[in-house]
Amino acid sequence: MAKKTFEEALARLEEIAQAMEKEDIGLEESVKLYKEGVELASFCTKKIENAQNTVKTLKESSENVFTLGVFNA
């Protein structure tokens, strides 16, 4: 898969979902779109997991010192 942003991948997933909802789509095209959708969903999931692992929250301690904490969803 060519490099895509999360937003581009998500937009393409929406396009695929709309295309697959059409009744006039053939079996081969459905399978092709389904495969692409699975790959995009995996890509998006990994991006979200990476973002969650990267995001840090600032917590102010009682001495007005900021410390980094890991983001917990």
PDB file of N, CA and C in Angstrom:
ATOM      1  N   MET A   1       0.849  -1.172   0.000  1.00  0.00           N
ATOM      2  CA  MET A   1       0.000   0.000   0.000  1.00  0.00           C
ATOM      3  C   MET A   1       0.893   1.233   0.000  1.00  0.00           C
ATOM      4  N   ALA A   2       0.559   2.186  -0.859  1.00  0.00           N
ATOM      5  CA  ALA A   2       1.302   3.435  -0.896  1.00  0.00           C
ATOM      6  C   ALA A   2       1.111   4.170   0.415  1.00  0.00           C
ATOM      7  N   LYS A   3       2.072   5.016   0.748  1.00  0.00           N
ATOM      8  CA  LYS A   3       1.970   5.755   2.003  1.00  0.00           C
ATOM      9  C   LYS A   3       0.734   6.633   1.981  1.00  0.00           C
ATOM     10  N   LYS A   4      -0.060   6.503   3.009  1.00  0.00           N
ATOM     11  CA  LYS A   4      -1.270   7.295   3.160  1.00  0.00           C
ATOM     12  C   LYS A   4      -1.298   7.842   4.562  1.00  0.00           C
ATOM     13  N   THR A   5      -2.017   8.911   4.720  1.00  0.00           N
ATOM     14  CA  THR A   5      -2.258   9.403   6.066  1.00  0.00           C
ATOM     15  C   THR A   5      -3.437   8.630   6.634  1.00  0.00           C
ATOM     16  N   PHE A   6      -3.604   8.735   7.932  1.00  0.00           N
ATOM     17  CA  PHE A   6      -4.750   8.106   8.583  1.00  0.00           C
ATOM     18  C   PHE A   6      -6.047   8.613   7.961  1.00  0.00           C
ATOM     19  N   GLU A   7      -6.121   9.912   7.744  1.00  0.00           N
ATOM     20  CA  GLU A   7      -7.338  10.516   7.195  1.00  0.00           C
ATOM     21  C   GLU A   7      -7.633  10.030   5.775  1.00  0.00           C
ATOM     22  N   GLU A   8      -6.589   9.878   4.965  1.00  0.00           N
ATOM     23  CA  GLU A   8      -6.778   9.366   3.606  1.00  0.00           C
ATOM     24  C   GLU A   8      -7.264   7.923   3.635  1.00  0.00           C
ATOM     25  N   ALA A   9      -6.682   7.128   4.515  1.00  0.00           N
ATOM     26  CA  ALA A   9      -7.081   5.727   4.627  1.00  0.00           C
ATOM     27  C   ALA A   9      -8.518   5.611   5.101  1.00  0.00           C
ATOM     28  N   LEU A  10      -8.891   6.429   6.073  1.00  0.00           N
ATOM     29  CA  LEU A  10     -10.255   6.402   6.589  1.00  0.00           C
ATOM     30  C   LEU A  10     -11.262   6.830   5.512  1.00  0.00           C
ATOM     31  N   ALA A  11     -10.909   7.852   4.747  1.00  0.00           N
ATOM     32  CA  ALA A  11     -11.785   8.301   3.659  1.00  0.00           C
ATOM     33  C   ALA A  11     -11.954   7.197   2.619  1.00  0.00           C
ATOM     34  N   ARG A  12     -10.869   6.493   2.306  1.00  0.00           N
ATOM     35  CA  ARG A  12     -10.953   5.399   1.334  1.00  0.00           C
ATOM     36  C   ARG A  12     -11.804   4.258   1.880  1.00  0.00           C
ATOM     37  N   LEU A  13     -11.698   3.986   3.182  1.00  0.00           N
ATOM     38  CA  LEU A  13     -12.548   2.962   3.800  1.00  0.00           C
ATOM     39  C   LEU A  13     -14.021   3.327   3.643  1.00  0.00           C
ATOM     40  N   GLU A  14     -14.349   4.599   3.814  1.00  0.00           N
ATOM     41  CA  GLU A  14     -15.735   5.040   3.642  1.00  0.00           C
ATOM     42  C   GLU A  14     -16.192   4.844   2.198  1.00  0.00           C
ATOM     43  N   GLU A  15     -15.308   5.149   1.247  1.00  0.00           N
ATOM     44  CA  GLU A  15     -15.632   4.939  -0.170  1.00  0.00           C
ATOM     45  C   GLU A  15     -15.901   3.463  -0.451  1.00  0.00           C
ATOM     46  N   ILE A  16     -15.062   2.606   0.109  1.00  0.00           N
ATOM     47  CA  ILE A  16     -15.211   1.167  -0.094  1.00  0.00           C
ATOM     48  C   ILE A  16     -16.535   0.681   0.488  1.00  0.00           C
ATOM     49  N   ALA A  17     -16.863   1.138   1.680  1.00  0.00           N
ATOM     50  CA  ALA A  17     -18.120   0.731   2.310  1.00  0.00           C
ATOM     51  C   ALA A  17     -19.307   1.142   1.451  1.00  0.00           C
ATOM     52  N   GLN A  18     -19.287   2.354   0.925  1.00  0.00           N
ATOM     53  CA  GLN A  18     -20.380   2.820   0.067  1.00  0.00           C
ATOM     54  C   GLN A  18     -20.455   1.998  -1.219  1.00  0.00           C
ATOM     55  N   ALA A  19     -19.310   1.700  -1.811  1.00  0.00           N
ATOM     56  CA  ALA A  19     -19.288   0.922  -3.053  1.00  0.00           C
ATOM     57  C   ALA A  19     -19.826  -0.478  -2.821  1.00  0.00           C
ATOM     58  N   MET A  20     -19.489  -1.083  -1.686  1.00  0.00           N
ATOM     59  CA  MET A  20     -19.932  -2.444  -1.412  1.00  0.00           C
ATOM     60  C   MET A  20     -21.413  -2.526  -1.071  1.00  0.00           C
ATOM     61  N   GLU A  21     -22.005  -1.404  -0.676  1.00  0.00           N
ATOM     62  CA  GLU A  21     -23.436  -1.388  -0.382  1.00  0.00           C
ATOM     63  C   GLU A  21     -24.289  -1.384  -1.653  1.00  0.00           C
ATOM     64  N   LYS A  22     -23.683  -1.043  -2.775  1.00  0.00           N
ATOM     65  CA  LYS A  22     -24.414  -1.022  -4.043  1.00  0.00           C
ATOM     66  C   LYS A  22     -24.723  -2.445  -4.474  1.00  0.00           C
ATOM     67  N   GLU A  23     -25.891  -2.630  -5.007  1.00  0.00           N
ATOM     68  CA  GLU A  23     -26.320  -3.965  -5.416  1.00  0.00           C
ATOM     69  C   GLU A  23     -25.715  -4.406  -6.748  1.00  0.00           C
ATOM     70  N   ASP A  24     -25.213  -3.464  -7.541  1.00  0.00           N
ATOM     71  CA  ASP A  24     -24.729  -3.811  -8.875  1.00  0.00           C
ATOM     72  C   ASP A  24     -23.240  -4.154  -8.917  1.00  0.00           C
ATOM     73  N   ILE A  25     -22.633  -4.345  -7.777  1.00  0.00           N
ATOM     74  CA  ILE A  25     -21.203  -4.664  -7.731  1.00  0.00           C
ATOM     75  C   ILE A  25     -21.022  -6.185  -7.875  1.00  0.00           C
ATOM     76  N   GLY A  26     -20.045  -6.573  -8.672  1.00  0.00           N
ATOM     77  CA  GLY A  26     -19.805  -7.992  -8.915  1.00  0.00           C
ATOM     78  C   GLY A  26     -18.993  -8.652  -7.810  1.00  0.00           C
ATOM     79  N   LEU A  27     -18.947  -9.969  -7.855  1.00  0.00           N
ATOM     80  CA  LEU A  27     -18.249 -10.744  -6.843  1.00  0.00           C
ATOM     81  C   LEU A  27     -16.756 -10.417  -6.815  1.00  0.00           C
ATOM     82  N   GLU A  28     -16.106 -10.405  -7.966  1.00  0.00           N
ATOM     83  CA  GLU A  28     -14.672 -10.133  -8.017  1.00  0.00           C
ATOM     84  C   GLU A  28     -14.351  -8.750  -7.464  1.00  0.00           C
ATOM     85  N   GLU A  29     -15.133  -7.766  -7.842  1.00  0.00           N
ATOM     86  CA  GLU A  29     -14.917  -6.402  -7.344  1.00  0.00           C
ATOM     87  C   GLU A  29     -15.175  -6.337  -5.846  1.00  0.00           C
ATOM     88  N   SER A  30     -16.180  -7.059  -5.369  1.00  0.00           N
ATOM     89  CA  SER A  30     -16.468  -7.097  -3.932  1.00  0.00           C
ATOM     90  C   SER A  30     -15.295  -7.666  -3.144  1.00  0.00           C
ATOM     91  N   VAL A  31     -14.731  -8.756  -3.642  1.00  0.00           N
ATOM     92  CA  VAL A  31     -13.599  -9.388  -2.956  1.00  0.00           C
ATOM     93  C   VAL A  31     -12.389  -8.456  -2.974  1.00  0.00           C
ATOM     94  N   LYS A  32     -12.149  -7.821  -4.100  1.00  0.00           N
ATOM     95  CA  LYS A  32     -11.032  -6.884  -4.226  1.00  0.00           C
ATOM     96  C   LYS A  32     -11.193  -5.720  -3.232  1.00  0.00           C
ATOM     97  N   LEU A  33     -12.385  -5.162  -3.171  1.00  0.00           N
ATOM     98  CA  LEU A  33     -12.640  -4.048  -2.253  1.00  0.00           C
ATOM     99  C   LEU A  33     -12.566  -4.498  -0.798  1.00  0.00           C
ATOM    100  N   TYR A  34     -13.060  -5.689  -0.524  1.00  0.00           N
ATOM    101  CA  TYR A  34     -13.014  -6.215   0.841  1.00  0.00           C
ATOM    102  C   TYR A  34     -11.556  -6.364   1.294  1.00  0.00           C
ATOM    103  N   LYS A  35     -10.723  -6.924   0.434  1.00  0.00           N
ATOM    104  CA  LYS A  35      -9.295  -7.098   0.755  1.00  0.00           C
ATOM    105  C   LYS A  35      -8.642  -5.750   1.027  1.00  0.00           C
ATOM    106  N   GLU A  36      -8.910  -4.779   0.172  1.00  0.00           N
ATOM    107  CA  GLU A  36      -8.349  -3.439   0.374  1.00  0.00           C
ATOM    108  C   GLU A  36      -8.844  -2.842   1.686  1.00  0.00           C
ATOM    109  N   GLY A  37     -10.115  -3.047   1.983  1.00  0.00           N
ATOM    110  CA  GLY A  37     -10.695  -2.529   3.220  1.00  0.00           C
ATOM    111  C   GLY A  37     -10.056  -3.127   4.457  1.00  0.00           C
ATOM    112  N   VAL A  38      -9.789  -4.432   4.422  1.00  0.00           N
ATOM    113  CA  VAL A  38      -9.138  -5.100   5.557  1.00  0.00           C
ATOM    114  C   VAL A  38      -7.737  -4.525   5.768  1.00  0.00           C
ATOM    115  N   GLU A  39      -7.011  -4.326   4.683  1.00  0.00           N
ATOM    116  CA  GLU A  39      -5.667  -3.758   4.778  1.00  0.00           C
ATOM    117  C   GLU A  39      -5.711  -2.332   5.335  1.00  0.00           C
ATOM    118  N   LEU A  40      -6.666  -1.538   4.872  1.00  0.00           N
ATOM    119  CA  LEU A  40      -6.806  -0.164   5.356  1.00  0.00           C
ATOM    120  C   LEU A  40      -7.225  -0.131   6.825  1.00  0.00           C
ATOM    121  N   ALA A  41      -8.118  -1.021   7.216  1.00  0.00           N
ATOM    122  CA  ALA A  41      -8.557  -1.076   8.613  1.00  0.00           C
ATOM    123  C   ALA A  41      -7.381  -1.427   9.516  1.00  0.00           C
ATOM    124  N   SER A  42      -6.549  -2.350   9.080  1.00  0.00           N
ATOM    125  CA  SER A  42      -5.362  -2.722   9.844  1.00  0.00           C
ATOM    126  C   SER A  42      -4.401  -1.541   9.951  1.00  0.00           C
ATOM    127  N   PHE A  43      -4.199  -0.842   8.861  1.00  0.00           N
ATOM    128  CA  PHE A  43      -3.346   0.349   8.835  1.00  0.00           C
ATOM    129  C   PHE A  43      -3.861   1.395   9.818  1.00  0.00           C
ATOM    130  N   CYS A  44      -5.171   1.657   9.782  1.00  0.00           N
ATOM    131  CA  CYS A  44      -5.769   2.655  10.676  1.00  0.00           C
ATOM    132  C   CYS A  44      -5.640   2.237  12.137  1.00  0.00           C
ATOM    133  N   THR A  45      -5.859   0.968  12.408  1.00  0.00           N
ATOM    134  CA  THR A  45      -5.739   0.463  13.776  1.00  0.00           C
ATOM    135  C   THR A  45      -4.322   0.667  14.302  1.00  0.00           C
ATOM    136  N   LYS A  46      -3.333   0.361  13.470  1.00  0.00           N
ATOM    137  CA  LYS A  46      -1.937   0.541  13.873  1.00  0.00           C
ATOM    138  C   LYS A  46      -1.626   2.016  14.119  1.00  0.00           C
ATOM    139  N   LYS A  47      -2.149   2.890  13.261  1.00  0.00           N
ATOM    140  CA  LYS A  47      -1.935   4.331  13.441  1.00  0.00           C
ATOM    141  C   LYS A  47      -2.528   4.804  14.767  1.00  0.00           C
ATOM    142  N   ILE A  48      -3.724   4.342  15.084  1.00  0.00           N
ATOM    143  CA  ILE A  48      -4.376   4.728  16.337  1.00  0.00           C
ATOM    144  C   ILE A  48      -3.567   4.206  17.526  1.00  0.00           C
ATOM    145  N   GLU A  49      -3.137   2.956  17.460  1.00  0.00           N
ATOM    146  CA  GLU A  49      -2.341   2.382  18.546  1.00  0.00           C
ATOM    147  C   GLU A  49      -1.044   3.147  18.735  1.00  0.00           C
ATOM    148  N   ASN A  50      -0.391   3.515  17.627  1.00  0.00           N
ATOM    149  CA  ASN A  50       0.842   4.296  17.710  1.00  0.00           C
ATOM    150  C   ASN A  50       0.586   5.663  18.329  1.00  0.00           C
ATOM    151  N   ALA A  51      -0.519   6.286  17.944  1.00  0.00           N
ATOM    152  CA  ALA A  51      -0.851   7.599  18.501  1.00  0.00           C
ATOM    153  C   ALA A  51      -1.113   7.499  19.996  1.00  0.00           C
ATOM    154  N   GLN A  52      -1.830   6.471  20.418  1.00  0.00           N
ATOM    155  CA  GLN A  52      -2.113   6.296  21.837  1.00  0.00           C
ATOM    156  C   GLN A  52      -0.828   6.073  22.630  1.00  0.00           C
ATOM    157  N   ASN A  53       0.114   5.357  22.042  1.00  0.00           N
ATOM    158  CA  ASN A  53       1.383   5.104  22.721  1.00  0.00           C
ATOM    159  C   ASN A  53       2.268   6.346  22.759  1.00  0.00           C
ATOM    160  N   THR A  54       2.062   7.255  21.822  1.00  0.00           N
ATOM    161  CA  THR A  54       2.891   8.442  21.724  1.00  0.00           C
ATOM    162  C   THR A  54       2.368   9.598  22.573  1.00  0.00           C
ATOM    163  N   VAL A  55       1.062   9.664  22.685  1.00  0.00           N
ATOM    164  CA  VAL A  55       0.454  10.786  23.402  1.00  0.00           C
ATOM    165  C   VAL A  55       0.822  10.740  24.877  1.00  0.00           C
ATOM    166  N   LYS A  56       1.261  11.854  25.353  1.00  0.00           N
ATOM    167  CA  LYS A  56       1.610  11.970  26.775  1.00  0.00           C
ATOM    168  C   LYS A  56       0.709  13.038  27.394  1.00  0.00           C
ATOM    169  N   THR A  57       0.400  12.853  28.631  1.00  0.00           N
ATOM    170  CA  THR A  57      -0.390  13.858  29.325  1.00  0.00           C
ATOM    171  C   THR A  57       0.475  14.559  30.356  1.00  0.00           C
ATOM    172  N   LEU A  58       0.251  15.823  30.461  1.00  0.00           N
ATOM    173  CA  LEU A  58       0.969  16.590  31.473  1.00  0.00           C
ATOM    174  C   LEU A  58       0.165  16.589  32.753  1.00  0.00           C
ATOM    175  N   LYS A  59       0.835  16.281  33.801  1.00  0.00           N
ATOM    176  CA  LYS A  59       0.180  16.280  35.100  1.00  0.00           C
ATOM    177  C   LYS A  59       0.932  17.254  35.998  1.00  0.00           C
ATOM    178  N   GLU A  60       0.190  18.113  36.594  1.00  0.00           N
ATOM    179  CA  GLU A  60       0.818  19.081  37.473  1.00  0.00           C
ATOM    180  C   GLU A  60       0.888  18.510  38.885  1.00  0.00           C
ATOM    181  N   SER A  61       2.072  18.490  39.417  1.00  0.00           N
ATOM    182  CA  SER A  61       2.235  17.973  40.768  1.00  0.00           C
ATOM    183  C   SER A  61       1.951  19.089  41.775  1.00  0.00           C
ATOM    184  N   SER A  62       1.991  18.760  43.003  1.00  0.00           N
ATOM    185  CA  SER A  62       1.690  19.738  44.044  1.00  0.00           C
ATOM    186  C   SER A  62       2.709  20.862  44.102  1.00  0.00           C
ATOM    187  N   GLU A  63       3.925  20.654  43.565  1.00  0.00           N
ATOM    188  CA  GLU A  63       4.947  21.705  43.568  1.00  0.00           C
ATOM    189  C   GLU A  63       4.926  22.525  42.287  1.00  0.00           C
ATOM    190  N   ASN A  64       3.847  22.463  41.521  1.00  0.00           N
ATOM    191  CA  ASN A  64       3.726  23.160  40.234  1.00  0.00           C
ATOM    192  C   ASN A  64       4.798  22.738  39.239  1.00  0.00           C
ATOM    193  N   VAL A  65       5.224  21.486  39.345  1.00  0.00           N
ATOM    194  CA  VAL A  65       6.176  20.918  38.400  1.00  0.00           C
ATOM    195  C   VAL A  65       5.400  19.982  37.491  1.00  0.00           C
ATOM    196  N   PHE A  66       5.637  20.100  36.225  1.00  0.00           N
ATOM    197  CA  PHE A  66       4.936  19.255  35.276  1.00  0.00           C
ATOM    198  C   PHE A  66       5.711  17.970  35.046  1.00  0.00           C
ATOM    199  N   THR A  67       5.015  16.861  35.016  1.00  0.00           N
ATOM    200  CA  THR A  67       5.626  15.572  34.727  1.00  0.00           C
ATOM    201  C   THR A  67       4.869  14.941  33.575  1.00  0.00           C
ATOM    202  N   LEU A  68       5.543  14.069  32.853  1.00  0.00           N
ATOM    203  CA  LEU A  68       4.919  13.369  31.736  1.00  0.00           C
ATOM    204  C   LEU A  68       4.315  12.077  32.227  1.00  0.00           C
ATOM    205  N   GLY A  69       3.121  11.785  31.739  1.00  0.00           N
ATOM    206  CA  GLY A  69       2.479  10.516  32.034  1.00  0.00           C
ATOM    207  C   GLY A  69       1.976   9.905  30.749  1.00  0.00           C
ATOM    208  N   VAL A  70       1.876   8.615  30.689  1.00  0.00           N
ATOM    209  CA  VAL A  70       1.407   7.918  29.487  1.00  0.00           C
ATOM    210  C   VAL A  70      -0.102   8.052  29.376  1.00  0.00           C
ATOM    211  N   PHE A  71      -0.571   8.316  28.174  1.00  0.00           N
ATOM    212  CA  PHE A  71      -1.996   8.430  27.905  1.00  0.00           C
ATOM    213  C   PHE A  71      -2.642   7.071  28.029  1.00  0.00           C
ATOM    214  N   ASN A  72      -3.710   6.992  28.779  1.00  0.00           N
ATOM    215  CA  ASN A  72      -4.482   5.749  28.909  1.00  0.00           C
ATOM    216  C   ASN A  72      -5.885   5.995  28.392  1.00  0.00           C
ATOM    217  N   ALA A  73      -6.266   5.235  27.368  1.00  0.00           N
ATOM    218  CA  ALA A  73      -7.603   5.400  26.776  1.00  0.00           C
ATOM    219  C   ALA A  73      -8.629   4.701  27.610  1.00  0.00           C
TER     220      ALA A  73
END
